[in-house]
Amino acid sequence: MQIAGMIATVHRDADCVAGALAPDNLNSMTTTASGDRVTTIIAGTQVRSVIASVDDYLMMLAIADDTCSFGSHQRPKRSA
C-alpha cells in the first residue's frame, strides 16, 4: 500500500525555507517553493515511517522558518 501526503505552508521567504529543507529530504520526499508557499510531498509504504517523516519534517520546518526569518528582522545599519 502506498501512502502519500502533501504539506503546504506560507512563509515570508519560501525559497530560503525550501532550500534549507531540501538537503534533509529522504528519497520519498520532494520540497518546492512557489511564491510565498513551500510544498512538500511525503510518500511511503509504512504508516509509522510516514508519520516519523512528517514529525521530523515539521521540526525542521520550524527551524528553517526561524532561521530564514532571522535575516529579514535584523536592524538596518546606522549612518555614521
N, C-alpha and C. Protein backbone atom coordinates (compact mmCIF):
# COMPACT_ATOMS: atom_id res chain seq x y z
N MET A 1 0.84 -1.18 0.00
CA MET A 1 0.00 0.00 0.00
C MET A 1 0.89 1.24 0.00
N GLN A 2 0.59 2.17 -0.85
CA GLN A 2 1.35 3.43 -0.93
C GLN A 2 0.59 4.51 -0.16
N ILE A 3 1.29 5.22 0.71
CA ILE A 3 0.73 6.31 1.50
C ILE A 3 1.43 7.58 1.06
N ALA A 4 0.67 8.63 0.78
CA ALA A 4 1.28 9.91 0.38
C ALA A 4 0.47 11.05 0.96
N GLY A 5 1.18 12.13 1.21
CA GLY A 5 0.53 13.32 1.73
C GLY A 5 1.28 14.56 1.31
N MET A 6 0.60 15.69 1.37
CA MET A 6 1.20 16.97 0.99
C MET A 6 1.08 17.93 2.17
N ILE A 7 2.16 18.65 2.44
CA ILE A 7 2.17 19.71 3.45
C ILE A 7 2.49 21.00 2.71
N ALA A 8 1.60 21.99 2.81
CA ALA A 8 1.83 23.29 2.17
C ALA A 8 1.77 24.36 3.25
N THR A 9 2.81 25.20 3.30
CA THR A 9 2.89 26.26 4.31
C THR A 9 3.29 27.56 3.64
N VAL A 10 2.95 28.67 4.27
CA VAL A 10 3.24 30.00 3.74
C VAL A 10 4.36 30.63 4.57
N HIS A 11 5.32 31.27 3.87
CA HIS A 11 6.49 31.85 4.53
C HIS A 11 6.85 33.17 3.89
N ARG A 12 7.50 34.02 4.65
CA ARG A 12 7.99 35.29 4.12
C ARG A 12 9.04 35.07 3.04
N ASP A 13 9.91 34.08 3.24
CA ASP A 13 10.96 33.76 2.28
C ASP A 13 10.91 32.27 1.96
N ALA A 14 9.95 31.88 1.13
CA ALA A 14 9.72 30.47 0.83
C ALA A 14 10.92 29.82 0.16
N ASP A 15 11.63 30.55 -0.70
CA ASP A 15 12.81 29.97 -1.36
C ASP A 15 13.87 29.59 -0.33
N CYS A 16 14.07 30.43 0.66
CA CYS A 16 15.06 30.15 1.71
C CYS A 16 14.64 28.92 2.52
N VAL A 17 13.37 28.86 2.90
CA VAL A 17 12.88 27.73 3.70
C VAL A 17 13.00 26.42 2.92
N ALA A 18 12.55 26.42 1.67
CA ALA A 18 12.63 25.21 0.85
C ALA A 18 14.09 24.79 0.64
N GLY A 19 14.96 25.76 0.43
CA GLY A 19 16.38 25.46 0.25
C GLY A 19 17.00 24.87 1.51
N ALA A 20 16.56 25.34 2.66
CA ALA A 20 17.09 24.82 3.92
C ALA A 20 16.58 23.40 4.19
N LEU A 21 15.37 23.09 3.74
CA LEU A 21 14.79 21.77 3.99
C LEU A 21 15.28 20.70 3.02
N ALA A 22 15.55 21.08 1.79
CA ALA A 22 15.83 20.11 0.73
C ALA A 22 16.97 19.12 1.06
N PRO A 23 18.07 19.55 1.67
CA PRO A 23 19.15 18.58 1.94
C PRO A 23 18.74 17.45 2.88
N ASP A 24 17.72 17.68 3.71
CA ASP A 24 17.28 16.66 4.66
C ASP A 24 16.17 15.76 4.11
N ASN A 25 15.70 16.05 2.89
CA ASN A 25 14.65 15.23 2.31
C ASN A 25 15.13 13.80 2.09
N LEU A 26 14.25 12.85 2.38
CA LEU A 26 14.51 11.46 2.06
C LEU A 26 14.19 11.25 0.58
N ASN A 27 14.51 10.08 0.04
CA ASN A 27 14.21 9.80 -1.36
C ASN A 27 12.72 9.86 -1.65
N SER A 28 11.90 9.65 -0.63
CA SER A 28 10.45 9.65 -0.80
C SER A 28 9.81 11.02 -0.58
N MET A 29 10.64 12.07 -0.52
CA MET A 29 10.14 13.42 -0.26
C MET A 29 10.60 14.37 -1.36
N THR A 30 9.73 15.32 -1.70
CA THR A 30 10.11 16.41 -2.59
C THR A 30 9.60 17.72 -1.99
N THR A 31 10.44 18.74 -2.02
CA THR A 31 10.08 20.05 -1.49
C THR A 31 10.30 21.08 -2.57
N THR A 32 9.30 21.95 -2.77
CA THR A 32 9.39 23.02 -3.76
C THR A 32 8.87 24.31 -3.15
N ALA A 33 9.30 25.42 -3.74
CA ALA A 33 8.81 26.74 -3.34
C ALA A 33 8.19 27.41 -4.56
N SER A 34 7.09 28.07 -4.33
CA SER A 34 6.42 28.84 -5.38
C SER A 34 5.76 30.04 -4.72
N GLY A 35 6.24 31.23 -5.08
CA GLY A 35 5.72 32.44 -4.42
C GLY A 35 6.07 32.42 -2.95
N ASP A 36 5.06 32.52 -2.10
CA ASP A 36 5.29 32.51 -0.66
C ASP A 36 4.98 31.15 -0.03
N ARG A 37 4.82 30.13 -0.86
CA ARG A 37 4.40 28.81 -0.39
C ARG A 37 5.49 27.75 -0.57
N VAL A 38 5.66 26.93 0.47
CA VAL A 38 6.55 25.76 0.41
C VAL A 38 5.63 24.54 0.43
N THR A 39 5.85 23.65 -0.53
CA THR A 39 5.05 22.43 -0.63
C THR A 39 5.97 21.23 -0.57
N THR A 40 5.62 20.29 0.29
CA THR A 40 6.39 19.05 0.40
C THR A 40 5.45 17.87 0.26
N ILE A 41 5.85 16.93 -0.58
CA ILE A 41 5.12 15.68 -0.76
C ILE A 41 5.94 14.59 -0.05
N ILE A 42 5.27 13.83 0.80
CA ILE A 42 5.92 12.74 1.53
C ILE A 42 5.17 11.46 1.18
N ALA A 43 5.91 10.43 0.80
CA ALA A 43 5.30 9.15 0.44
C ALA A 43 6.03 8.01 1.12
N GLY A 44 5.35 6.90 1.26
CA GLY A 44 5.96 5.72 1.84
C GLY A 44 5.02 4.55 1.80
N THR A 45 5.48 3.42 2.27
CA THR A 45 4.65 2.22 2.27
C THR A 45 4.27 1.77 3.67
N GLN A 46 4.87 2.39 4.68
CA GLN A 46 4.55 2.04 6.07
C GLN A 46 4.07 3.27 6.81
N VAL A 47 2.93 3.16 7.47
CA VAL A 47 2.33 4.29 8.17
C VAL A 47 3.29 4.88 9.20
N ARG A 48 3.93 4.05 9.99
CA ARG A 48 4.85 4.55 11.02
C ARG A 48 6.00 5.35 10.42
N SER A 49 6.50 4.90 9.30
CA SER A 49 7.60 5.59 8.63
C SER A 49 7.16 6.96 8.12
N VAL A 50 5.98 7.01 7.53
CA VAL A 50 5.46 8.29 7.02
C VAL A 50 5.20 9.25 8.18
N ILE A 51 4.63 8.75 9.26
CA ILE A 51 4.37 9.60 10.43
C ILE A 51 5.68 10.13 11.00
N ALA A 52 6.70 9.28 11.09
CA ALA A 52 8.01 9.73 11.60
C ALA A 52 8.61 10.77 10.67
N SER A 53 8.47 10.58 9.36
CA SER A 53 8.99 11.56 8.40
C SER A 53 8.28 12.89 8.53
N VAL A 54 6.96 12.86 8.71
CA VAL A 54 6.19 14.10 8.89
C VAL A 54 6.63 14.79 10.18
N ASP A 55 6.80 14.05 11.25
CA ASP A 55 7.23 14.61 12.53
C ASP A 55 8.59 15.29 12.40
N ASP A 56 9.54 14.61 11.79
CA ASP A 56 10.88 15.19 11.57
C ASP A 56 10.80 16.42 10.68
N TYR A 57 10.01 16.34 9.63
CA TYR A 57 9.87 17.45 8.69
C TYR A 57 9.32 18.70 9.39
N LEU A 58 8.29 18.52 10.21
CA LEU A 58 7.69 19.67 10.89
C LEU A 58 8.68 20.34 11.85
N MET A 59 9.51 19.54 12.51
CA MET A 59 10.54 20.11 13.40
C MET A 59 11.54 20.92 12.58
N MET A 60 12.00 20.34 11.47
CA MET A 60 12.96 21.04 10.61
C MET A 60 12.33 22.26 9.95
N LEU A 61 11.05 22.18 9.63
CA LEU A 61 10.35 23.32 9.04
C LEU A 61 10.34 24.52 9.98
N ALA A 62 10.07 24.26 11.25
CA ALA A 62 10.06 25.34 12.24
C ALA A 62 11.44 25.98 12.36
N ILE A 63 12.48 25.16 12.38
CA ILE A 63 13.85 25.68 12.48
C ILE A 63 14.21 26.46 11.23
N ALA A 64 13.88 25.93 10.05
CA ALA A 64 14.19 26.61 8.79
C ALA A 64 13.46 27.95 8.71
N ASP A 65 12.19 27.97 9.11
CA ASP A 65 11.43 29.22 9.06
C ASP A 65 12.02 30.26 10.01
N ASP A 66 12.37 29.85 11.22
CA ASP A 66 13.00 30.77 12.17
C ASP A 66 14.32 31.31 11.62
N THR A 67 15.13 30.43 11.07
CA THR A 67 16.44 30.83 10.55
C THR A 67 16.29 31.78 9.38
N CYS A 68 15.39 31.47 8.46
CA CYS A 68 15.19 32.33 7.28
C CYS A 68 14.55 33.66 7.65
N SER A 69 13.74 33.68 8.69
CA SER A 69 13.11 34.92 9.14
C SER A 69 14.09 35.82 9.87
N PHE A 70 15.12 35.22 10.48
CA PHE A 70 16.09 35.99 11.27
C PHE A 70 16.73 37.09 10.44
N GLY A 71 17.17 36.77 9.25
CA GLY A 71 17.85 37.75 8.41
C GLY A 71 16.97 38.92 8.02
N SER A 72 15.67 38.69 7.90
CA SER A 72 14.77 39.77 7.50
C SER A 72 14.36 40.65 8.67
N HIS A 73 14.71 40.25 9.89
CA HIS A 73 14.37 41.04 11.07
C HIS A 73 15.55 41.80 11.66
N GLN A 74 16.69 41.73 11.01
CA GLN A 74 17.84 42.45 11.53
C GLN A 74 17.64 43.94 11.38
N ARG A 75 18.18 44.67 12.34
CA ARG A 75 18.07 46.12 12.30
C ARG A 75 18.91 46.69 11.16
N PRO A 76 18.40 47.73 10.52
CA PRO A 76 19.20 48.36 9.46
C PRO A 76 20.45 49.01 10.04
N LYS A 77 21.49 49.11 9.23
CA LYS A 77 22.73 49.76 9.66
C LYS A 77 22.51 51.24 9.84
N ARG A 78 23.17 51.78 10.85
CA ARG A 78 23.06 53.23 11.13
C ARG A 78 24.04 53.98 10.26
N SER A 79 23.64 55.17 9.88
CA SER A 79 24.56 56.05 9.13
C SER A 79 25.52 56.68 10.10
N ALA A 80 26.74 56.87 9.66
CA ALA A 80 27.77 57.46 10.53
C ALA A 80 27.64 58.95 10.59
